[in-house]
Amino acid sequence: MTAPPAHTPRPARETPTGITPAGAHPVVGRHDVARADIVTASDLVRHFGLWQERAARTPVYVMFRGRPRLVLTSIEVMETLVAPHVPDRGVQALDSTALLDLVRDMIVIAGPDLRITASSRTARAYFGEAVAPGLSLDTLVPIPSREALINTLHHVVAAGVSQTIDLPSPRRAGGILTLQLDPHRRGVAARIEDITAPAPPAAATGTAITLKDT
């Protein structure tokens, strides 16, 4: 026969306010939780009205098999916890524009609805009001080419793959734009380059200019 251990831990006990080891408070995360704020799942079911009122004042930790598993709290507390994670679209667009202005490429960002949310400085200089936030991305090209662009944009968003397409430039007849379209936050990032061949230099007229001494 072996000797009993020098110290035998006392079993956990269940009380009307929850279940805790005798003489100790449970620890949830890194914070001690008062016994008044803990309840077992079975006691919660039996006295839900009582715990509902208590949860309106302070979060209540629901124990399951001796360990905290759920938290019962008020809607105000939940809204406070969730609110910081809801993006502010105005601030997000402002931050995106500031970052895009640091690059020299023409870049236009659109959301899932294919409406423009931000653009780089060079894109605004090239397209003007056509890249204003809220406008559809297909307005960057002439009307006859917009259907082809829209179809390509929908494919990029749906399939999550990059596509490149050449379309006429709205700035001058015969101009060509290359649009590199990449998935971006459920929307599209368009990197645009004007690949129109430069106009040939003007033909020499043969007129000589004579400098006179004064």
C-alpha atoms as a PDB file:
ATOM      1  CA  MET A   1       0.000   0.000   0.000  1.00  0.00           C
ATOM      2  CA  THR A   2       1.357   3.375  -0.973  1.00  0.00           C
ATOM      3  CA  ALA A   3       1.165   6.414   1.220  1.00  0.00           C
ATOM      4  CA  PRO A   4      -1.385   9.093   0.258  1.00  0.00           C
ATOM      5  CA  PRO A   5       0.002  12.265  -1.259  1.00  0.00           C
ATOM      6  CA  ALA A   6       1.046  14.945   1.160  1.00  0.00           C
ATOM      7  CA  HIS A   7      -1.602  17.253  -0.212  1.00  0.00           C
ATOM      8  CA  THR A   8      -4.838  16.163  -1.815  1.00  0.00           C
ATOM      9  CA  PRO A   9      -6.560  18.976  -3.762  1.00  0.00           C
ATOM     10  CA  ARG A  10     -10.143  19.527  -2.819  1.00  0.00           C
ATOM     11  CA  PRO A  11     -12.671  18.977  -5.610  1.00  0.00           C
ATOM     12  CA  ALA A  12     -14.395  21.851  -7.319  1.00  0.00           C
ATOM     13  CA  ARG A  13     -17.700  22.843  -5.862  1.00  0.00           C
ATOM     14  CA  GLU A  14     -20.787  24.182  -7.549  1.00  0.00           C
ATOM     15  CA  THR A  15     -22.585  27.160  -6.046  1.00  0.00           C
ATOM     16  CA  PRO A  16     -25.561  29.275  -7.132  1.00  0.00           C
ATOM     17  CA  THR A  17     -23.098  31.732  -8.636  1.00  0.00           C
ATOM     18  CA  GLY A  18     -21.034  29.228 -10.593  1.00  0.00           C
ATOM     19  CA  ILE A  19     -18.273  26.691 -10.173  1.00  0.00           C
ATOM     20  CA  THR A  20     -14.866  27.503  -8.730  1.00  0.00           C
ATOM     21  CA  PRO A  21     -12.087  25.615  -6.988  1.00  0.00           C
ATOM     22  CA  ALA A  22     -12.494  26.011  -3.267  1.00  0.00           C
ATOM     23  CA  GLY A  23     -10.798  29.125  -1.958  1.00  0.00           C
ATOM     24  CA  ALA A  24      -9.850  30.502  -5.404  1.00  0.00           C
ATOM     25  CA  HIS A  25     -11.244  32.691  -8.140  1.00  0.00           C
ATOM     26  CA  PRO A  26     -11.179  31.491 -11.762  1.00  0.00           C
ATOM     27  CA  VAL A  27      -8.867  33.257 -14.154  1.00  0.00           C
ATOM     28  CA  VAL A  28     -10.204  34.269 -17.575  1.00  0.00           C
ATOM     29  CA  GLY A  29      -7.417  35.354 -19.897  1.00  0.00           C
ATOM     30  CA  ARG A  30      -5.031  37.281 -17.641  1.00  0.00           C
ATOM     31  CA  HIS A  31      -7.622  38.771 -15.304  1.00  0.00           C
ATOM     32  CA  ASP A  32      -9.136  37.371 -12.125  1.00  0.00           C
ATOM     33  CA  VAL A  33     -12.902  37.148 -12.369  1.00  0.00           C
ATOM     34  CA  ALA A  34     -15.105  37.792  -9.365  1.00  0.00           C
ATOM     35  CA  ARG A  35     -17.260  34.842  -8.380  1.00  0.00           C
ATOM     36  CA  ALA A  36     -20.351  37.036  -8.793  1.00  0.00           C
ATOM     37  CA  ASP A  37     -19.559  37.262 -12.523  1.00  0.00           C
ATOM     38  CA  ILE A  38     -19.358  33.526 -13.226  1.00  0.00           C
ATOM     39  CA  VAL A  39     -22.112  31.002 -13.761  1.00  0.00           C
ATOM     40  CA  THR A  40     -22.361  27.414 -14.882  1.00  0.00           C
ATOM     41  CA  ALA A  41     -24.338  26.614 -18.005  1.00  0.00           C
ATOM     42  CA  SER A  42     -26.914  24.673 -15.992  1.00  0.00           C
ATOM     43  CA  ASP A  43     -27.408  27.468 -13.446  1.00  0.00           C
ATOM     44  CA  LEU A  44     -27.711  29.992 -16.281  1.00  0.00           C
ATOM     45  CA  VAL A  45     -30.578  27.997 -17.758  1.00  0.00           C
ATOM     46  CA  ARG A  46     -32.344  27.647 -14.402  1.00  0.00           C
ATOM     47  CA  HIS A  47     -32.030  31.323 -13.446  1.00  0.00           C
ATOM     48  CA  PHE A  48     -31.711  33.092 -16.771  1.00  0.00           C
ATOM     49  CA  GLY A  49     -33.684  36.165 -15.672  1.00  0.00           C
ATOM     50  CA  LEU A  50     -31.288  36.819 -12.779  1.00  0.00           C
ATOM     51  CA  TRP A  51     -28.171  36.416 -14.916  1.00  0.00           C
ATOM     52  CA  GLN A  52     -29.655  38.467 -17.729  1.00  0.00           C
ATOM     53  CA  GLU A  53     -30.049  41.430 -15.381  1.00  0.00           C
ATOM     54  CA  ARG A  54     -26.526  40.962 -14.057  1.00  0.00           C
ATOM     55  CA  ALA A  55     -25.090  40.764 -17.579  1.00  0.00           C
ATOM     56  CA  ALA A  56     -26.699  44.121 -18.370  1.00  0.00           C
ATOM     57  CA  ARG A  57     -24.388  45.646 -15.750  1.00  0.00           C
ATOM     58  CA  THR A  58     -21.225  43.603 -16.211  1.00  0.00           C
ATOM     59  CA  PRO A  59     -20.115  40.700 -18.443  1.00  0.00           C
ATOM     60  CA  VAL A  60     -20.936  37.248 -17.077  1.00  0.00           C
ATOM     61  CA  TYR A  61     -18.631  34.317 -17.848  1.00  0.00           C
ATOM     62  CA  VAL A  62     -20.403  31.040 -18.546  1.00  0.00           C
ATOM     63  CA  MET A  63     -18.482  27.982 -17.361  1.00  0.00           C
ATOM     64  CA  PHE A  64     -18.537  24.602 -19.089  1.00  0.00           C
ATOM     65  CA  ARG A  65     -16.817  21.633 -17.451  1.00  0.00           C
ATOM     66  CA  GLY A  66     -15.018  23.950 -15.094  1.00  0.00           C
ATOM     67  CA  ARG A  67     -13.635  26.285 -17.735  1.00  0.00           C
ATOM     68  CA  PRO A  68     -14.927  29.605 -19.145  1.00  0.00           C
ATOM     69  CA  ARG A  69     -16.469  29.086 -22.569  1.00  0.00           C
ATOM     70  CA  LEU A  70     -18.913  31.937 -23.282  1.00  0.00           C
ATOM     71  CA  VAL A  71     -19.559  35.512 -22.173  1.00  0.00           C
ATOM     72  CA  LEU A  72     -23.036  36.947 -21.632  1.00  0.00           C
ATOM     73  CA  THR A  73     -23.000  40.728 -21.956  1.00  0.00           C
ATOM     74  CA  SER A  74     -25.115  43.704 -22.990  1.00  0.00           C
ATOM     75  CA  ILE A  75     -25.646  44.931 -26.541  1.00  0.00           C
ATOM     76  CA  GLU A  76     -23.939  48.223 -25.623  1.00  0.00           C
ATOM     77  CA  VAL A  77     -20.745  46.394 -24.658  1.00  0.00           C
ATOM     78  CA  MET A  78     -20.824  44.335 -27.857  1.00  0.00           C
ATOM     79  CA  GLU A  79     -21.317  47.411 -30.035  1.00  0.00           C
ATOM     80  CA  THR A  80     -18.357  49.070 -28.324  1.00  0.00           C
ATOM     81  CA  LEU A  81     -16.175  46.017 -28.923  1.00  0.00           C
ATOM     82  CA  VAL A  82     -17.169  45.673 -32.573  1.00  0.00           C
ATOM     83  CA  ALA A  83     -17.209  49.356 -33.526  1.00  0.00           C
ATOM     84  CA  PRO A  84     -13.399  49.811 -33.834  1.00  0.00           C
ATOM     85  CA  HIS A  85     -13.302  47.037 -36.448  1.00  0.00           C
ATOM     86  CA  VAL A  86     -15.845  48.698 -38.758  1.00  0.00           C
ATOM     87  CA  PRO A  87     -13.798  50.543 -41.404  1.00  0.00           C
ATOM     88  CA  ASP A  88     -14.518  54.207 -42.032  1.00  0.00           C
ATOM     89  CA  ARG A  89     -14.815  54.370 -45.808  1.00  0.00           C
ATOM     90  CA  GLY A  90     -13.982  58.067 -45.955  1.00  0.00           C
ATOM     91  CA  VAL A  91     -10.795  57.680 -43.909  1.00  0.00           C
ATOM     92  CA  GLN A  92      -9.872  54.523 -45.808  1.00  0.00           C
ATOM     93  CA  ALA A  93     -10.208  56.313 -49.163  1.00  0.00           C
ATOM     94  CA  LEU A  94      -8.148  59.240 -47.869  1.00  0.00           C
ATOM     95  CA  ASP A  95      -5.354  56.940 -46.674  1.00  0.00           C
ATOM     96  CA  SER A  96      -5.361  55.018 -49.971  1.00  0.00           C
ATOM     97  CA  THR A  97      -5.115  58.214 -52.006  1.00  0.00           C
ATOM     98  CA  ALA A  98      -2.226  59.505 -49.913  1.00  0.00           C
ATOM     99  CA  LEU A  99      -0.324  56.251 -50.459  1.00  0.00           C
ATOM    100  CA  LEU A 100      -1.085  56.153 -54.185  1.00  0.00           C
ATOM    101  CA  ASP A 101       0.213  59.698 -54.590  1.00  0.00           C
ATOM    102  CA  LEU A 102       3.667  58.402 -53.660  1.00  0.00           C
ATOM    103  CA  VAL A 103       3.923  56.308 -56.837  1.00  0.00           C
ATOM    104  CA  ARG A 104       4.402  57.578 -60.391  1.00  0.00           C
ATOM    105  CA  ASP A 105       2.157  55.011 -62.089  1.00  0.00           C
ATOM    106  CA  MET A 106      -1.444  55.670 -63.006  1.00  0.00           C
ATOM    107  CA  ILE A 107      -3.371  53.527 -60.506  1.00  0.00           C
ATOM    108  CA  VAL A 108      -7.107  53.476 -59.866  1.00  0.00           C
ATOM    109  CA  ILE A 109      -8.766  51.430 -57.077  1.00  0.00           C
ATOM    110  CA  ALA A 110     -12.388  50.252 -57.240  1.00  0.00           C
ATOM    111  CA  GLY A 111     -14.541  48.401 -54.723  1.00  0.00           C
ATOM    112  CA  PRO A 112     -16.654  45.270 -55.199  1.00  0.00           C
ATOM    113  CA  ASP A 113     -19.285  47.347 -57.010  1.00  0.00           C
ATOM    114  CA  LEU A 114     -16.559  48.522 -59.452  1.00  0.00           C
ATOM    115  CA  ARG A 115     -16.950  52.119 -58.322  1.00  0.00           C
ATOM    116  CA  ILE A 116     -13.772  54.123 -57.844  1.00  0.00           C
ATOM    117  CA  THR A 117     -12.580  54.597 -54.267  1.00  0.00           C
ATOM    118  CA  ALA A 118      -9.100  56.089 -54.807  1.00  0.00           C
ATOM    119  CA  SER A 119      -6.630  57.074 -57.523  1.00  0.00           C
ATOM    120  CA  SER A 120      -3.043  58.207 -57.816  1.00  0.00           C
ATOM    121  CA  ARG A 121      -2.005  61.757 -58.615  1.00  0.00           C
ATOM    122  CA  THR A 122      -0.840  60.775 -62.103  1.00  0.00           C
ATOM    123  CA  ALA A 123      -4.185  59.082 -62.829  1.00  0.00           C
ATOM    124  CA  ARG A 124      -6.068  62.212 -61.767  1.00  0.00           C
ATOM    125  CA  ALA A 125      -3.842  64.345 -63.966  1.00  0.00           C
ATOM    126  CA  TYR A 126      -4.504  62.071 -66.972  1.00  0.00           C
ATOM    127  CA  PHE A 127      -8.212  61.287 -66.555  1.00  0.00           C
ATOM    128  CA  GLY A 128      -9.434  64.341 -64.648  1.00  0.00           C
ATOM    129  CA  GLU A 129     -12.939  64.044 -63.174  1.00  0.00           C
ATOM    130  CA  ALA A 130     -13.352  60.569 -64.701  1.00  0.00           C
ATOM    131  CA  VAL A 131     -11.537  59.086 -61.680  1.00  0.00           C
ATOM    132  CA  ALA A 132     -13.606  60.914 -59.053  1.00  0.00           C
ATOM    133  CA  PRO A 133     -14.650  58.620 -56.157  1.00  0.00           C
ATOM    134  CA  GLY A 134     -18.023  56.991 -56.742  1.00  0.00           C
ATOM    135  CA  LEU A 135     -17.798  56.845 -60.530  1.00  0.00           C
ATOM    136  CA  SER A 136     -17.810  53.503 -62.316  1.00  0.00           C
ATOM    137  CA  LEU A 137     -14.387  52.255 -63.405  1.00  0.00           C
ATOM    138  CA  ASP A 138     -15.575  51.679 -66.973  1.00  0.00           C
ATOM    139  CA  THR A 139     -15.883  55.437 -67.530  1.00  0.00           C
ATOM    140  CA  LEU A 140     -12.105  55.515 -68.028  1.00  0.00           C
ATOM    141  CA  VAL A 141     -12.517  54.376 -71.637  1.00  0.00           C
ATOM    142  CA  PRO A 142     -14.723  55.533 -74.532  1.00  0.00           C
ATOM    143  CA  ILE A 143     -18.326  54.294 -74.561  1.00  0.00           C
ATOM    144  CA  PRO A 144     -17.849  51.667 -77.339  1.00  0.00           C
ATOM    145  CA  SER A 145     -15.134  49.943 -75.250  1.00  0.00           C
ATOM    146  CA  ARG A 146     -16.903  49.969 -71.879  1.00  0.00           C
ATOM    147  CA  GLU A 147     -18.679  46.634 -72.268  1.00  0.00           C
ATOM    148  CA  ALA A 148     -15.375  44.846 -72.898  1.00  0.00           C
ATOM    149  CA  LEU A 149     -13.860  46.487 -69.820  1.00  0.00           C
ATOM    150  CA  ILE A 150     -16.861  45.667 -67.622  1.00  0.00           C
ATOM    151  CA  ASN A 151     -16.777  41.995 -68.658  1.00  0.00           C
ATOM    152  CA  THR A 152     -13.070  41.795 -67.861  1.00  0.00           C
ATOM    153  CA  LEU A 153     -13.547  43.512 -64.493  1.00  0.00           C
ATOM    154  CA  HIS A 154     -16.302  41.087 -63.496  1.00  0.00           C
ATOM    155  CA  HIS A 155     -14.038  38.166 -64.382  1.00  0.00           C
ATOM    156  CA  VAL A 156     -11.210  39.551 -62.236  1.00  0.00           C
ATOM    157  CA  VAL A 157     -13.512  39.975 -59.233  1.00  0.00           C
ATOM    158  CA  ALA A 158     -15.309  36.627 -59.625  1.00  0.00           C
ATOM    159  CA  ALA A 159     -12.280  34.455 -60.424  1.00  0.00           C
ATOM    160  CA  GLY A 160      -9.716  36.351 -58.365  1.00  0.00           C
ATOM    161  CA  VAL A 161      -7.219  36.378 -61.240  1.00  0.00           C
ATOM    162  CA  SER A 162      -5.302  39.191 -62.924  1.00  0.00           C
ATOM    163  CA  GLN A 163      -6.079  40.260 -66.465  1.00  0.00           C
ATOM    164  CA  THR A 164      -4.491  42.655 -68.964  1.00  0.00           C
ATOM    165  CA  ILE A 165      -6.507  44.415 -71.647  1.00  0.00           C
ATOM    166  CA  ASP A 166      -5.690  47.046 -74.274  1.00  0.00           C
ATOM    167  CA  LEU A 167      -8.389  49.642 -74.958  1.00  0.00           C
ATOM    168  CA  PRO A 168      -8.652  53.000 -76.725  1.00  0.00           C
ATOM    169  CA  SER A 169      -7.601  56.093 -74.822  1.00  0.00           C
ATOM    170  CA  PRO A 170     -10.291  58.720 -74.191  1.00  0.00           C
ATOM    171  CA  ARG A 171      -7.779  61.517 -74.638  1.00  0.00           C
ATOM    172  CA  ARG A 172      -6.914  61.298 -78.330  1.00  0.00           C
ATOM    173  CA  ALA A 173      -7.892  59.418 -81.441  1.00  0.00           C
ATOM    174  CA  GLY A 174      -5.711  56.370 -82.031  1.00  0.00           C
ATOM    175  CA  GLY A 175      -4.424  56.354 -78.453  1.00  0.00           C
ATOM    176  CA  ILE A 176      -4.087  53.002 -76.680  1.00  0.00           C
ATOM    177  CA  LEU A 177      -4.196  52.210 -72.971  1.00  0.00           C
ATOM    178  CA  THR A 178      -2.945  49.021 -71.346  1.00  0.00           C
ATOM    179  CA  LEU A 179      -4.879  48.185 -68.186  1.00  0.00           C
ATOM    180  CA  GLN A 180      -3.363  45.676 -65.764  1.00  0.00           C
ATOM    181  CA  LEU A 181      -6.300  44.584 -63.581  1.00  0.00           C
ATOM    182  CA  ASP A 182      -5.582  42.816 -60.280  1.00  0.00           C
ATOM    183  CA  PRO A 183      -7.905  41.609 -57.492  1.00  0.00           C
ATOM    184  CA  HIS A 184      -7.770  44.001 -54.543  1.00  0.00           C
ATOM    185  CA  ARG A 185      -9.820  43.691 -51.334  1.00  0.00           C
ATOM    186  CA  ARG A 186     -12.808  42.129 -53.117  1.00  0.00           C
ATOM    187  CA  GLY A 187     -12.522  44.862 -55.742  1.00  0.00           C
ATOM    188  CA  VAL A 188     -10.000  45.758 -58.446  1.00  0.00           C
ATOM    189  CA  ALA A 189      -6.735  47.677 -58.679  1.00  0.00           C
ATOM    190  CA  ALA A 190      -6.062  48.993 -62.180  1.00  0.00           C
ATOM    191  CA  ARG A 191      -2.543  49.968 -63.254  1.00  0.00           C
ATOM    192  CA  ILE A 192      -2.866  51.966 -66.454  1.00  0.00           C
ATOM    193  CA  GLU A 193      -0.240  52.849 -69.038  1.00  0.00           C
ATOM    194  CA  ASP A 194      -0.606  54.915 -72.186  1.00  0.00           C
ATOM    195  CA  ILE A 195       1.279  52.911 -74.813  1.00  0.00           C
ATOM    196  CA  THR A 196       0.402  55.159 -77.728  1.00  0.00           C
ATOM    197  CA  ALA A 197       3.350  55.531 -80.062  1.00  0.00           C
ATOM    198  CA  PRO A 198       4.813  59.038 -79.820  1.00  0.00           C
ATOM    199  CA  ALA A 199       4.003  61.364 -82.683  1.00  0.00           C
ATOM    200  CA  PRO A 200       6.831  61.637 -85.221  1.00  0.00           C
ATOM    201  CA  PRO A 201       8.858  64.854 -85.046  1.00  0.00           C
ATOM    202  CA  ALA A 202       7.764  67.640 -87.359  1.00  0.00           C
ATOM    203  CA  ALA A 203       9.490  67.596 -90.761  1.00  0.00           C
ATOM    204  CA  ALA A 204      12.311  70.059 -91.204  1.00  0.00           C
ATOM    205  CA  THR A 205      11.276  73.110 -93.239  1.00  0.00           C
ATOM    206  CA  GLY A 206      14.760  73.875 -94.499  1.00  0.00           C
ATOM    207  CA  THR A 207      14.532  77.433 -93.225  1.00  0.00           C
ATOM    208  CA  ALA A 208      17.856  78.656 -91.886  1.00  0.00           C
ATOM    209  CA  ILE A 209      18.137  81.039 -88.992  1.00  0.00           C
ATOM    210  CA  THR A 210      20.985  83.522 -89.193  1.00  0.00           C
ATOM    211  CA  LEU A 211      22.341  85.062 -86.050  1.00  0.00           C
ATOM    212  CA  LYS A 212      23.504  88.597 -86.460  1.00  0.00           C
ATOM    213  CA  ASP A 213      26.224  90.267 -84.491  1.00  0.00           C
ATOM    214  CA  THR A 214      25.083  93.347 -82.700  1.00  0.00           C
END
